[in-house]
Amino acid sequence: MSERTASARRRAAGGLVMALLLAALAACSGIPQSGPVQPGEAIGSASDIDVIFLAADPTKGATQEQILNGFIQAAKSPQNNYEVARRYLAKPAADTWKPNANTTIDQGTRSMAAQDATTMQMTITPVASVDANGVYAESASSASSTLTFSFTQVDGEWRISQLADGIVIEDAFFDQVFSSHAVYFYDPTFTYLVPDLRWFPTTAAVGTRVVNALLGGPVTWLGDGAVVTAFPDGTTATAVVTTGGQTQVELSSNVLQADAADLQRMQYQLSQSLSDLASATNVTISVDQNAVTIPASSAAPPNPAPRVNAQPLVLRDGAFGYVAGSSVSEIPGVSAAVVALQPASAAYSAVSSLAAVKAANGTVQVVRGGDQPVVLDQRPALIDPAVDPFGYVWSVPQNAPTSVNAYGSDGNALSIPTNWDGAASITSLEISRDGTRALALLSVGGIPKLVVAAVIRNAAGVPQKFGQPVELSTAAGTPIDATWVDQQSVASVTALPSGETRAVVQKLGGRSSSLGSPQNAVAIAGGNDIDGLRVLSSDGSLLQRRGSTWQATVSGITKLAVQN
């Protein structure tokens, strides 16, 4: 079950409310140094709240350190715009403090020291951050940082008078206070919806934060043309109100200039972006409190979650196809041609009805349903080719990672500019199932570097270039392979000098975690979720994760193919 599905089911069941007294909590959060202003929030629905930390008010006669500790812990309670936390602040600071400006996630080990009679400092070790738009980023450095708080007396009681905007929360509590939400944009052809993961405190106003993030546009690395939105520039939301399962999104009047197709697309973006909130089952758009009539569409809606065959695609006993028990189910018009090439590797797109094959002679060839193979790339030392849903085959030499070519149905090479200069080699390249993102496992200075980059296309879906890469987490060692797990997650495998292989999974815009050590891994391929991941071992065993270990499910596999 996906994180998103599990969260939705918990909320649909009424949510789990945990009331934890302030005195029982360890030090949890503080204040980062800077951050942009977060606009005010409208009211959503309280039924989506999973966990509530009940913070205590300041106690009479509390010292500066006790006030700071109380404020730190109260900052884990975002209800009513951090109402309790603001009680630890002098009124001017309480009125101007912007807790949503930025969140720093730290290890939780902190130290406090008085600097003078009215100033204290706190030292923290950040591990990640979330900005005002909910964008999560792991910290590039493990260096500590220092936060400064000034104090004043109000009616004889100490209160914090100066502090930076935002909060700090330790890693152990982050998932209990914040929840993840994908906001959705379109690929340039409006065929697919593309998720852009954001994180917000789980409060009654989370629906408003989600809508504001959607209207604010995609995360920077996707914002160079990889995705588009149906909302006109400058569109704002003045209210997001949920009542009885009906969610009304009040938008600025410029949306009334949109045609029927764009109005339908706007509503679909909103519906999908709010779909993990159990209260938001039906979404409507209004302007000046008047419902906007959106005509029904006869066209198929864009696909927010493209899926592949749940069975692994393999070469086994001289047959190419899907594993079906002890046999292989072949793909008509494709399998025989793939086998004839004696493939070193293969990638298949059911949407495009083509297979890209690295043949025994090292060339990359394409097999389109019913046609003879066509040679596309004869450059030396090519890595395993990739395919995308728009019918393009992607190929690149291992020792020339910036020399990426994409081949369309005419067989002509499109040279795709990249931004990963400095990489000495490339081990794997895969395109996401919506065609908007590329995953590359590179080697830089002998260190594996897993990156994701936007695939910039024109309105016809023709690839133009790669956007600025974003580095993801991977284990140390020699790079082996990387793959798309689903629309939101990727996985990679590396080998340690000892020969042990390590697997890591990362949610784009979210956290990374270990997948353990699949024994003697030589390739990895995604399915439709974590449970669908398959690893090929050097002895021909196909491994699948069961609990915390990898277990062999099938033997005699020669090659593990990638599906798109």
Protein backbone atom coordinates (compact mmCIF):
# COMPACT_ATOMS: atom_id res chain seq x y z
CA MET A 1 0.00 0.00 0.00
CA SER A 2 1.38 3.45 -0.87
CA GLU A 3 2.01 6.11 1.76
CA ARG A 4 -0.69 8.20 0.14
CA THR A 5 -3.31 5.43 0.14
CA ALA A 6 -2.52 4.51 3.72
CA SER A 7 -2.86 8.14 4.80
CA ALA A 8 -6.18 8.54 3.01
CA ARG A 9 -7.59 5.41 4.62
CA ARG A 10 -6.54 6.52 8.06
CA ARG A 11 -8.26 9.84 7.53
CA ALA A 12 -11.35 8.27 6.01
CA ALA A 13 -11.68 6.20 9.18
CA GLY A 14 -11.89 9.36 11.19
CA GLY A 15 -8.21 9.93 11.88
CA LEU A 16 -6.09 8.94 14.84
CA VAL A 17 -5.86 11.71 17.45
CA MET A 18 -3.02 11.46 19.93
CA ALA A 19 -3.07 13.92 22.81
CA LEU A 20 0.43 14.24 24.23
CA LEU A 21 1.06 16.53 27.19
CA LEU A 22 3.76 19.12 26.73
CA ALA A 23 5.73 18.01 29.79
CA ALA A 24 6.16 14.50 28.37
CA LEU A 25 7.77 15.66 25.13
CA ALA A 26 11.45 16.00 24.42
CA ALA A 27 12.76 19.24 22.91
CA CYS A 28 11.20 19.35 19.48
CA SER A 29 11.45 22.56 17.54
CA GLY A 30 12.87 26.03 17.36
CA ILE A 31 13.23 28.90 14.94
CA PRO A 32 15.29 29.10 11.75
CA GLN A 33 17.08 32.26 10.73
CA SER A 34 15.17 33.34 7.66
CA GLY A 35 12.35 32.62 5.20
CA PRO A 36 9.72 34.22 2.98
CA VAL A 37 6.36 35.41 4.22
CA GLN A 38 3.55 32.83 4.12
CA PRO A 39 0.13 34.24 3.20
CA GLY A 40 -2.76 33.74 5.61
CA GLU A 41 -4.81 30.57 5.46
CA ALA A 42 -8.49 29.96 4.95
CA ILE A 43 -10.46 27.35 6.84
CA GLY A 44 -10.60 23.78 5.57
CA SER A 45 -11.77 20.68 7.41
CA ALA A 46 -10.52 19.37 10.74
CA SER A 47 -11.47 15.79 9.85
CA ASP A 48 -8.17 15.27 8.01
CA ILE A 49 -6.00 15.69 11.12
CA ASP A 50 -4.19 12.46 12.13
CA VAL A 51 -2.17 13.61 15.14
CA ILE A 52 -2.54 16.55 17.46
CA PHE A 53 0.08 17.50 20.04
CA LEU A 54 -1.53 19.35 22.90
CA ALA A 55 0.91 22.01 24.06
CA ALA A 56 0.86 23.59 27.53
CA ASP A 57 0.66 27.32 28.24
CA PRO A 58 3.58 29.16 29.86
CA THR A 59 3.81 28.58 33.60
CA LYS A 60 3.99 31.39 36.12
CA GLY A 61 7.51 32.35 37.16
CA ALA A 62 9.18 30.36 34.36
CA THR A 63 12.82 31.12 33.62
CA GLN A 64 14.06 32.17 30.18
CA GLU A 65 15.24 28.62 29.50
CA GLN A 66 11.86 27.18 30.55
CA ILE A 67 10.05 29.67 28.32
CA LEU A 68 12.29 28.76 25.39
CA ASN A 69 11.81 25.04 26.03
CA GLY A 70 8.05 25.54 26.29
CA PHE A 71 7.96 27.51 23.06
CA ILE A 72 10.07 24.88 21.29
CA GLN A 73 7.66 22.15 22.26
CA ALA A 74 4.55 24.24 21.58
CA ALA A 75 5.78 24.85 18.03
CA LYS A 76 4.86 21.19 17.32
CA SER A 77 1.21 22.19 17.71
CA PRO A 78 0.23 24.14 14.55
CA GLN A 79 -3.49 24.30 15.34
CA ASN A 80 -5.13 27.73 15.13
CA ASN A 81 -2.01 29.20 13.53
CA TYR A 82 0.27 28.11 16.40
CA GLU A 83 -1.95 29.76 18.98
CA VAL A 84 -0.25 28.17 22.01
CA ALA A 85 3.29 28.82 20.77
CA ARG A 86 2.48 32.51 20.34
CA ARG A 87 1.66 32.74 24.06
CA TYR A 88 5.37 32.36 24.76
CA LEU A 89 6.07 35.50 22.73
CA ALA A 90 5.72 39.15 23.67
CA LYS A 91 2.82 40.68 21.75
CA PRO A 92 4.82 42.45 19.00
CA ALA A 93 6.70 39.21 18.25
CA ALA A 94 3.51 37.12 18.50
CA ASP A 95 1.80 39.39 15.98
CA THR A 96 4.62 39.30 13.43
CA TRP A 97 6.09 35.79 13.78
CA LYS A 98 5.49 33.70 10.63
CA PRO A 99 5.82 30.02 11.55
CA ASN A 100 5.02 28.76 8.02
CA ALA A 101 7.87 30.72 6.44
CA ASN A 102 10.31 27.84 6.80
CA THR A 103 10.76 24.59 8.71
CA THR A 104 14.11 23.14 9.66
CA ILE A 105 14.18 19.44 10.48
CA ASP A 106 17.05 18.61 12.81
CA GLN A 107 18.55 15.62 14.59
CA GLY A 108 16.94 16.64 17.88
CA THR A 109 20.17 16.97 19.88
CA ARG A 110 20.35 20.63 20.90
CA SER A 111 22.19 22.85 23.31
CA MET A 112 21.11 26.16 24.85
CA ALA A 113 23.33 28.88 26.30
CA ALA A 114 22.69 32.34 27.72
CA GLN A 115 24.58 35.07 25.87
CA ASP A 116 23.65 37.90 28.22
CA ALA A 117 20.84 38.83 30.60
CA THR A 118 18.19 38.87 27.85
CA THR A 119 19.58 36.67 25.05
CA MET A 120 19.85 32.91 24.58
CA GLN A 121 21.23 30.84 21.72
CA MET A 122 20.29 27.35 20.59
CA THR A 123 22.58 25.14 18.48
CA ILE A 124 20.97 22.58 16.15
CA THR A 125 22.10 20.12 13.45
CA PRO A 126 19.78 20.35 10.41
CA VAL A 127 19.01 17.27 8.30
CA ALA A 128 16.38 18.78 5.97
CA SER A 129 14.16 21.80 5.41
CA VAL A 130 10.70 22.66 4.12
CA ASP A 131 10.12 26.09 2.58
CA ALA A 132 6.98 28.23 2.65
CA ASN A 133 5.61 26.41 -0.41
CA GLY A 134 6.05 23.00 1.21
CA VAL A 135 9.14 22.01 -0.81
CA TYR A 136 11.25 19.47 1.10
CA ALA A 137 15.03 19.34 0.65
CA GLU A 138 17.59 17.21 2.44
CA SER A 139 20.53 19.15 3.88
CA ALA A 140 23.73 19.08 1.82
CA SER A 141 25.85 19.63 4.94
CA SER A 142 25.89 18.22 8.45
CA ALA A 143 27.22 21.45 9.93
CA SER A 144 25.42 22.86 12.95
CA SER A 145 23.70 26.25 13.04
CA THR A 146 22.87 28.67 15.85
CA LEU A 147 19.52 30.33 16.55
CA THR A 148 19.21 33.48 18.68
CA PHE A 149 16.28 34.48 20.92
CA SER A 150 15.83 37.74 22.79
CA PHE A 151 13.68 38.04 25.93
CA THR A 152 11.73 40.73 27.71
CA GLN A 153 9.50 40.79 30.77
CA VAL A 154 5.75 41.20 30.33
CA ASP A 155 3.85 41.81 33.59
CA GLY A 156 6.76 40.26 35.46
CA GLU A 157 6.96 37.15 33.26
CA TRP A 158 9.65 36.34 30.69
CA ARG A 159 8.55 36.23 27.07
CA ILE A 160 10.47 35.92 23.79
CA SER A 161 10.68 39.33 22.14
CA GLN A 162 12.82 38.68 19.04
CA LEU A 163 13.16 35.54 16.92
CA ALA A 164 13.41 34.52 13.29
CA ASP A 165 10.41 33.33 11.30
CA GLY A 166 9.71 29.62 10.94
CA ILE A 167 10.07 26.61 13.20
CA VAL A 168 12.47 23.74 13.87
CA ILE A 169 11.24 20.22 14.54
CA GLU A 170 13.26 17.10 15.17
CA ASP A 171 13.29 14.36 12.58
CA ALA A 172 11.58 11.83 14.86
CA PHE A 173 8.41 13.96 15.06
CA PHE A 174 8.31 15.38 11.53
CA ASP A 175 6.00 12.73 10.05
CA GLN A 176 3.58 13.12 12.96
CA VAL A 177 3.22 16.88 12.56
CA PHE A 178 3.60 17.22 8.77
CA SER A 179 1.87 15.29 5.98
CA SER A 180 2.83 14.97 2.32
CA HIS A 181 0.56 16.08 -0.52
CA ALA A 182 1.19 15.89 -4.27
CA VAL A 183 0.11 18.92 -6.25
CA TYR A 184 -0.41 18.08 -9.92
CA PHE A 185 0.67 19.77 -13.13
CA TYR A 186 0.38 18.65 -16.77
CA ASP A 187 2.96 17.52 -19.24
CA PRO A 188 3.05 19.91 -22.25
CA THR A 189 0.72 17.65 -24.27
CA PHE A 190 -1.88 17.48 -21.43
CA THR A 191 -1.73 13.68 -21.59
CA TYR A 192 -0.42 13.12 -18.07
CA LEU A 193 -0.67 14.70 -14.65
CA VAL A 194 2.73 15.07 -12.98
CA PRO A 195 3.04 14.96 -9.16
CA ASP A 196 5.02 17.60 -7.27
CA LEU A 197 5.29 16.55 -3.62
CA ARG A 198 4.82 19.12 -0.85
CA TRP A 199 4.77 18.96 2.96
CA PHE A 200 2.50 20.92 5.30
CA PRO A 201 1.56 20.80 8.98
CA THR A 202 -1.56 18.68 9.33
CA THR A 203 -4.10 21.29 10.37
CA ALA A 204 -7.61 22.25 9.35
CA ALA A 205 -6.10 24.68 6.83
CA VAL A 206 -4.00 22.11 4.96
CA GLY A 207 -6.37 22.21 1.96
CA THR A 208 -5.71 25.93 1.58
CA ARG A 209 -1.96 25.35 1.71
CA VAL A 210 -2.25 22.68 -1.00
CA VAL A 211 -4.26 24.97 -3.30
CA ASN A 212 -1.88 27.87 -2.75
CA ALA A 213 1.07 25.62 -3.59
CA LEU A 214 -0.67 24.50 -6.79
CA LEU A 215 -1.37 28.07 -7.86
CA GLY A 216 2.18 29.09 -6.96
CA GLY A 217 3.54 26.82 -9.69
CA PRO A 218 5.85 23.81 -9.81
CA VAL A 219 9.07 23.30 -7.90
CA THR A 220 12.00 25.11 -9.50
CA TRP A 221 13.60 22.16 -11.28
CA LEU A 222 10.30 21.29 -13.01
CA GLY A 223 9.43 24.91 -13.79
CA ASP A 224 11.53 25.32 -16.95
CA GLY A 225 8.91 23.92 -19.31
CA ALA A 226 8.72 20.28 -18.24
CA VAL A 227 5.22 20.83 -16.86
CA VAL A 228 2.42 23.32 -17.45
CA THR A 229 -0.71 24.42 -15.62
CA ALA A 230 -4.20 25.27 -16.76
CA PHE A 231 -4.48 28.21 -14.34
CA PRO A 232 -3.89 31.67 -15.84
CA ASP A 233 -0.91 33.63 -14.55
CA GLY A 234 -1.74 35.52 -11.38
CA THR A 235 -4.58 33.25 -10.27
CA THR A 236 -5.09 33.35 -6.50
CA ALA A 237 -7.36 31.54 -4.06
CA THR A 238 -9.27 33.60 -1.54
CA ALA A 239 -10.89 30.66 0.27
CA VAL A 240 -10.94 26.86 0.37
CA VAL A 241 -13.95 25.63 2.34
CA THR A 242 -15.03 22.01 2.85
CA THR A 243 -18.50 21.13 4.10
CA GLY A 244 -20.02 17.69 4.04
CA GLY A 245 -17.53 16.35 1.53
CA GLN A 246 -18.01 19.32 -0.82
CA THR A 247 -14.93 21.49 -1.31
CA GLN A 248 -15.42 24.94 -2.78
CA VAL A 249 -12.31 26.71 -4.05
CA GLU A 250 -12.84 30.47 -4.39
CA LEU A 251 -10.56 31.78 -7.16
CA SER A 252 -9.76 35.20 -8.56
CA SER A 253 -11.89 36.45 -11.44
CA ASN A 254 -9.23 35.97 -14.14
CA VAL A 255 -10.19 32.30 -14.42
CA LEU A 256 -13.47 33.40 -16.05
CA GLN A 257 -11.47 34.27 -19.18
CA ALA A 258 -10.50 30.61 -19.66
CA ASP A 259 -12.22 28.40 -22.22
CA ALA A 260 -14.11 25.22 -21.38
CA ALA A 261 -11.10 22.95 -21.88
CA ASP A 262 -8.93 24.94 -19.47
CA LEU A 263 -11.72 25.13 -16.89
CA GLN A 264 -12.01 21.35 -17.04
CA ARG A 265 -8.26 21.05 -16.63
CA MET A 266 -8.25 23.45 -13.66
CA GLN A 267 -10.91 21.46 -11.89
CA TYR A 268 -9.06 18.22 -12.54
CA GLN A 269 -5.80 19.65 -11.19
CA LEU A 270 -7.61 20.77 -8.04
CA SER A 271 -9.45 17.47 -7.61
CA GLN A 272 -6.30 15.38 -7.95
CA SER A 273 -4.23 17.69 -5.74
CA LEU A 274 -6.85 17.52 -2.97
CA SER A 275 -7.69 13.85 -3.48
CA ASP A 276 -5.69 12.58 -0.49
CA LEU A 277 -7.82 14.67 1.89
CA ALA A 278 -10.72 12.47 2.87
CA SER A 279 -12.98 15.49 3.29
CA ALA A 280 -12.43 16.78 -0.27
CA THR A 281 -14.48 14.28 -2.27
CA ASN A 282 -16.07 16.77 -4.68
CA VAL A 283 -14.33 19.96 -5.76
CA THR A 284 -16.02 22.98 -7.33
CA ILE A 285 -14.68 26.36 -8.43
CA SER A 286 -16.35 29.64 -7.57
CA VAL A 287 -15.67 33.31 -8.27
CA ASP A 288 -17.23 36.01 -6.09
CA GLN A 289 -19.04 33.17 -4.28
CA ASN A 290 -20.80 32.13 -7.48
CA ALA A 291 -20.20 28.59 -8.70
CA VAL A 292 -18.46 28.40 -12.08
CA THR A 293 -20.25 26.12 -14.52
CA ILE A 294 -17.76 23.70 -16.01
CA PRO A 295 -19.10 21.67 -18.94
CA ALA A 296 -18.53 17.93 -18.87
CA SER A 297 -15.73 16.65 -21.06
CA SER A 298 -16.06 13.70 -23.41
CA ALA A 299 -12.29 13.32 -23.63
CA ALA A 300 -10.40 10.83 -21.49
CA PRO A 301 -8.96 12.57 -18.41
CA PRO A 302 -5.18 12.89 -18.14
CA ASN A 303 -3.47 10.00 -16.38
CA PRO A 304 -2.13 10.88 -12.90
CA ALA A 305 -0.55 7.47 -12.28
CA PRO A 306 0.58 5.53 -15.37
CA ARG A 307 1.00 1.84 -14.57
CA VAL A 308 2.96 -0.99 -16.11
CA ASN A 309 2.36 -4.71 -16.16
CA ALA A 310 2.62 -6.02 -12.60
CA GLN A 311 4.63 -9.02 -13.79
CA PRO A 312 8.37 -8.53 -14.34
CA LEU A 313 9.54 -8.41 -17.94
CA VAL A 314 12.47 -10.76 -18.56
CA LEU A 315 14.54 -12.83 -20.94
CA ARG A 316 14.31 -16.45 -19.78
CA ASP A 317 15.07 -19.73 -21.51
CA GLY A 318 15.33 -17.96 -24.85
CA ALA A 319 11.95 -16.24 -24.50
CA PHE A 320 11.23 -12.55 -23.89
CA GLY A 321 8.07 -11.56 -22.04
CA TYR A 322 6.30 -11.39 -18.71
CA VAL A 323 6.95 -13.97 -16.01
CA ALA A 324 3.87 -16.12 -15.62
CA GLY A 325 4.60 -18.84 -13.09
CA SER A 326 7.15 -21.20 -14.62
CA SER A 327 6.66 -19.82 -18.14
CA VAL A 328 7.06 -16.55 -20.03
CA SER A 329 4.11 -14.77 -21.65
CA GLU A 330 5.45 -13.26 -24.88
CA ILE A 331 4.51 -9.90 -26.39
CA PRO A 332 3.00 -10.40 -29.86
CA GLY A 333 4.99 -8.75 -32.65
CA VAL A 334 7.82 -7.81 -30.26
CA SER A 335 9.25 -10.76 -28.35
CA ALA A 336 10.58 -12.78 -31.29
CA ALA A 337 12.40 -9.78 -32.76
CA VAL A 338 13.93 -8.91 -29.38
CA VAL A 339 15.21 -12.46 -28.87
CA ALA A 340 16.71 -12.51 -32.38
CA LEU A 341 18.97 -9.59 -31.39
CA GLN A 342 20.48 -11.65 -28.53
CA PRO A 343 19.82 -8.72 -26.20
CA ALA A 344 22.26 -7.52 -23.59
CA SER A 345 19.37 -5.42 -22.25
CA ALA A 346 15.87 -4.26 -23.22
CA ALA A 347 13.31 -1.61 -22.33
CA TYR A 348 9.66 -1.82 -23.38
CA SER A 349 6.84 0.73 -23.59
CA ALA A 350 3.37 -0.77 -23.92
CA VAL A 351 2.00 2.74 -24.52
CA SER A 352 4.32 3.32 -27.48
CA SER A 353 4.32 -0.35 -28.58
CA LEU A 354 8.09 -0.46 -28.92
CA ALA A 355 11.10 -2.10 -27.40
CA ALA A 356 14.58 -0.60 -27.27
CA VAL A 357 17.30 -3.24 -27.31
CA LYS A 358 21.03 -3.21 -26.74
CA ALA A 359 21.96 -5.98 -29.12
CA ALA A 360 24.78 -8.50 -28.71
CA ASN A 361 26.96 -6.38 -31.05
CA GLY A 362 26.58 -3.35 -28.74
CA THR A 363 24.26 -1.33 -30.99
CA VAL A 364 20.96 0.13 -29.79
CA GLN A 365 18.05 -0.97 -31.96
CA VAL A 366 14.31 -0.41 -31.84
CA VAL A 367 11.59 -2.99 -32.34
CA ARG A 368 8.16 -1.58 -33.13
CA GLY A 369 5.22 -3.94 -33.07
CA GLY A 370 5.29 -6.12 -36.20
CA ASP A 371 8.29 -4.36 -37.78
CA GLN A 372 11.85 -5.52 -38.26
CA PRO A 373 14.47 -4.09 -35.87
CA VAL A 374 16.04 -0.77 -36.86
CA VAL A 375 19.55 0.23 -35.83
CA LEU A 376 19.52 3.63 -34.09
CA ASP A 377 22.86 4.11 -32.33
CA GLN A 378 26.21 2.53 -33.20
CA ARG A 379 28.44 4.56 -30.89
CA PRO A 380 30.84 2.51 -28.73
CA ALA A 381 30.19 1.54 -25.10
CA LEU A 382 26.48 2.40 -25.03
CA ILE A 383 24.58 1.85 -21.79
CA ASP A 384 21.18 0.16 -21.66
CA PRO A 385 18.70 2.23 -23.70
CA ALA A 386 15.56 3.84 -22.31
CA VAL A 387 12.10 4.42 -23.79
CA ASP A 388 9.37 6.96 -23.07
CA PRO A 389 5.58 7.10 -23.57
CA PHE A 390 5.92 9.44 -26.56
CA GLY A 391 7.73 6.82 -28.66
CA TYR A 392 11.33 8.01 -28.20
CA VAL A 393 14.35 5.78 -27.58
CA TRP A 394 17.14 7.28 -25.45
CA SER A 395 20.77 6.28 -25.77
CA VAL A 396 24.11 7.49 -24.37
CA PRO A 397 27.70 6.14 -24.23
CA GLN A 398 28.92 5.15 -20.78
CA ASN A 399 32.00 7.36 -20.89
CA ALA A 400 30.30 10.33 -22.57
CA PRO A 401 27.40 11.07 -20.17
CA THR A 402 26.52 14.40 -21.78
CA SER A 403 26.13 12.88 -25.27
CA VAL A 404 22.49 11.88 -24.89
CA ASN A 405 20.49 11.15 -28.06
CA ALA A 406 16.74 10.66 -28.41
CA TYR A 407 15.38 8.84 -31.47
CA GLY A 408 11.82 9.31 -32.74
CA SER A 409 9.78 7.22 -35.15
CA ASP A 410 11.81 8.57 -38.10
CA GLY A 411 15.01 7.13 -36.64
CA ASN A 412 16.80 10.47 -36.63
CA ALA A 413 18.92 11.40 -33.61
CA LEU A 414 18.01 14.42 -31.52
CA SER A 415 20.97 15.63 -29.47
CA ILE A 416 19.65 16.43 -25.96
CA PRO A 417 21.67 19.04 -24.04
CA THR A 418 22.35 18.10 -20.42
CA ASN A 419 23.46 19.97 -17.32
CA TRP A 420 25.52 17.30 -15.63
CA ASP A 421 28.95 18.51 -16.69
CA GLY A 422 31.64 17.06 -14.47
CA ALA A 423 30.26 13.53 -14.58
CA ALA A 424 32.92 11.08 -15.76
CA SER A 425 30.52 8.29 -16.67
CA ILE A 426 26.89 7.23 -16.66
CA THR A 427 25.60 3.82 -15.58
CA SER A 428 21.88 4.08 -16.24
CA LEU A 429 19.27 6.41 -17.71
CA GLU A 430 15.49 6.03 -17.40
CA ILE A 431 12.59 8.30 -18.32
CA SER A 432 9.53 8.61 -16.07
CA ARG A 433 6.27 7.07 -17.22
CA ASP A 434 4.81 10.51 -17.93
CA GLY A 435 7.87 11.45 -19.98
CA THR A 436 8.64 14.60 -17.97
CA ARG A 437 11.63 13.51 -15.88
CA ALA A 438 14.92 11.69 -16.45
CA LEU A 439 16.71 9.61 -13.82
CA ALA A 440 20.46 9.22 -14.30
CA LEU A 441 23.01 7.30 -12.23
CA LEU A 442 26.32 9.07 -12.77
CA SER A 443 29.86 8.81 -11.45
CA VAL A 444 31.55 12.04 -10.37
CA GLY A 445 35.08 11.83 -9.04
CA GLY A 446 34.63 8.12 -8.42
CA ILE A 447 31.51 8.72 -6.30
CA PRO A 448 28.01 7.62 -7.42
CA LYS A 449 25.66 10.52 -8.04
CA LEU A 450 21.96 9.88 -8.63
CA VAL A 451 20.16 12.81 -10.24
CA VAL A 452 16.72 13.62 -11.57
CA ALA A 453 16.23 16.28 -14.24
CA ALA A 454 13.27 17.69 -16.10
CA VAL A 455 12.74 16.56 -19.69
CA ILE A 456 11.81 19.72 -21.57
CA ARG A 457 9.50 19.02 -24.51
CA ASN A 458 7.48 21.11 -26.93
CA ALA A 459 3.68 20.97 -27.14
CA ALA A 460 3.94 17.98 -29.51
CA GLY A 461 5.99 16.00 -27.00
CA VAL A 462 9.29 16.32 -28.88
CA PRO A 463 12.19 16.38 -26.36
CA GLN A 464 14.34 19.51 -26.44
CA LYS A 465 16.75 19.32 -23.48
CA PHE A 466 17.24 18.29 -19.88
CA GLY A 467 16.70 20.81 -17.10
CA GLN A 468 18.94 21.48 -14.11
CA PRO A 469 19.62 18.20 -12.26
CA VAL A 470 18.68 17.64 -8.63
CA GLU A 471 20.88 15.28 -6.63
CA LEU A 472 19.13 12.41 -4.86
CA SER A 473 20.26 9.98 -2.17
CA THR A 474 22.11 6.79 -3.01
CA ALA A 475 24.38 4.45 -1.12
CA ALA A 476 28.17 4.71 -1.38
CA GLY A 477 30.17 2.42 -3.64
CA THR A 478 30.18 1.55 -7.33
CA PRO A 479 26.95 2.44 -9.18
CA ILE A 480 25.02 -0.57 -10.52
CA ASP A 481 21.56 0.58 -11.60
CA ALA A 482 18.64 2.94 -10.88
CA THR A 483 14.96 2.82 -11.76
CA TRP A 484 11.58 4.48 -11.36
CA VAL A 485 9.53 2.81 -8.63
CA ASP A 486 6.38 4.76 -9.52
CA GLN A 487 5.47 8.35 -10.38
CA GLN A 488 6.89 9.73 -7.14
CA SER A 489 9.73 7.41 -6.11
CA VAL A 490 13.04 6.11 -7.48
CA ALA A 491 15.43 3.39 -6.35
CA SER A 492 19.12 2.76 -6.88
CA VAL A 493 21.64 -0.01 -6.23
CA THR A 494 25.37 0.32 -5.58
CA ALA A 495 28.14 -2.13 -4.67
CA LEU A 496 30.54 -1.69 -1.76
CA PRO A 497 34.24 -2.64 -2.09
CA SER A 498 33.40 -5.79 -0.10
CA GLY A 499 31.02 -6.84 -2.86
CA GLU A 500 27.89 -6.24 -0.77
CA THR A 501 25.16 -4.44 -2.70
CA ARG A 502 22.98 -1.74 -1.15
CA ALA A 503 19.60 -0.43 -2.33
CA VAL A 504 18.08 2.96 -1.50
CA VAL A 505 14.64 4.37 -2.29
CA GLN A 506 13.76 8.07 -2.37
CA LYS A 507 10.48 9.85 -2.77
CA LEU A 508 11.03 12.85 -5.04
CA GLY A 509 10.50 15.90 -2.84
CA GLY A 510 10.62 13.69 0.24
CA ARG A 511 12.70 11.31 2.28
CA SER A 512 15.14 8.58 1.40
CA SER A 513 15.44 5.21 3.14
CA SER A 514 17.43 2.01 2.88
CA LEU A 515 16.01 -1.03 1.11
CA GLY A 516 18.64 -3.34 2.51
CA SER A 517 21.11 -5.50 0.62
CA PRO A 518 19.79 -7.50 -2.34
CA GLN A 519 22.44 -10.18 -2.77
CA ASN A 520 24.73 -9.94 -5.83
CA ALA A 521 22.48 -7.40 -7.56
CA VAL A 522 23.26 -6.62 -11.20
CA ALA A 523 20.05 -4.81 -12.25
CA ILE A 524 16.88 -3.30 -10.78
CA ALA A 525 13.52 -2.57 -12.41
CA GLY A 526 10.41 -0.88 -11.08
CA GLY A 527 6.81 -2.05 -11.10
CA ASN A 528 3.97 0.04 -9.71
CA ASP A 529 5.10 0.43 -6.08
CA ILE A 530 7.82 -0.66 -3.65
CA ASP A 531 6.45 -4.20 -3.60
CA GLY A 532 6.75 -4.29 -7.39
CA LEU A 533 10.51 -3.65 -7.40
CA ARG A 534 12.58 -6.53 -8.81
CA VAL A 535 16.32 -7.07 -8.57
CA LEU A 536 18.25 -9.45 -10.79
CA SER A 537 21.01 -11.35 -9.00
CA SER A 538 24.18 -12.49 -10.76
CA ASP A 539 23.07 -16.12 -10.43
CA GLY A 540 19.89 -15.47 -12.44
CA SER A 541 17.56 -15.22 -9.45
CA LEU A 542 14.85 -12.59 -9.47
CA LEU A 543 14.64 -10.98 -6.03
CA GLN A 544 11.62 -9.29 -4.48
CA ARG A 545 11.51 -7.52 -1.13
CA ARG A 546 9.54 -9.37 1.55
CA GLY A 547 9.42 -7.42 4.78
CA SER A 548 12.98 -6.26 5.45
CA THR A 549 14.75 -8.88 3.30
CA TRP A 550 15.11 -9.71 -0.40
CA GLN A 551 13.97 -13.18 -1.41
CA ALA A 552 14.37 -15.10 -4.65
CA THR A 553 11.02 -15.63 -6.38
CA VAL A 554 12.08 -16.88 -9.81
CA SER A 555 15.29 -18.44 -11.14
CA GLY A 556 16.88 -18.85 -14.54
CA ILE A 557 16.51 -15.21 -15.58
CA THR A 558 19.03 -14.03 -18.17
CA LYS A 559 17.98 -10.35 -18.39
CA LEU A 560 15.61 -8.10 -16.44
CA ALA A 561 13.94 -5.56 -18.72
CA VAL A 562 12.62 -2.10 -17.85
CA GLN A 563 8.96 -1.24 -18.44
CA ASN A 564 7.70 2.26 -19.17
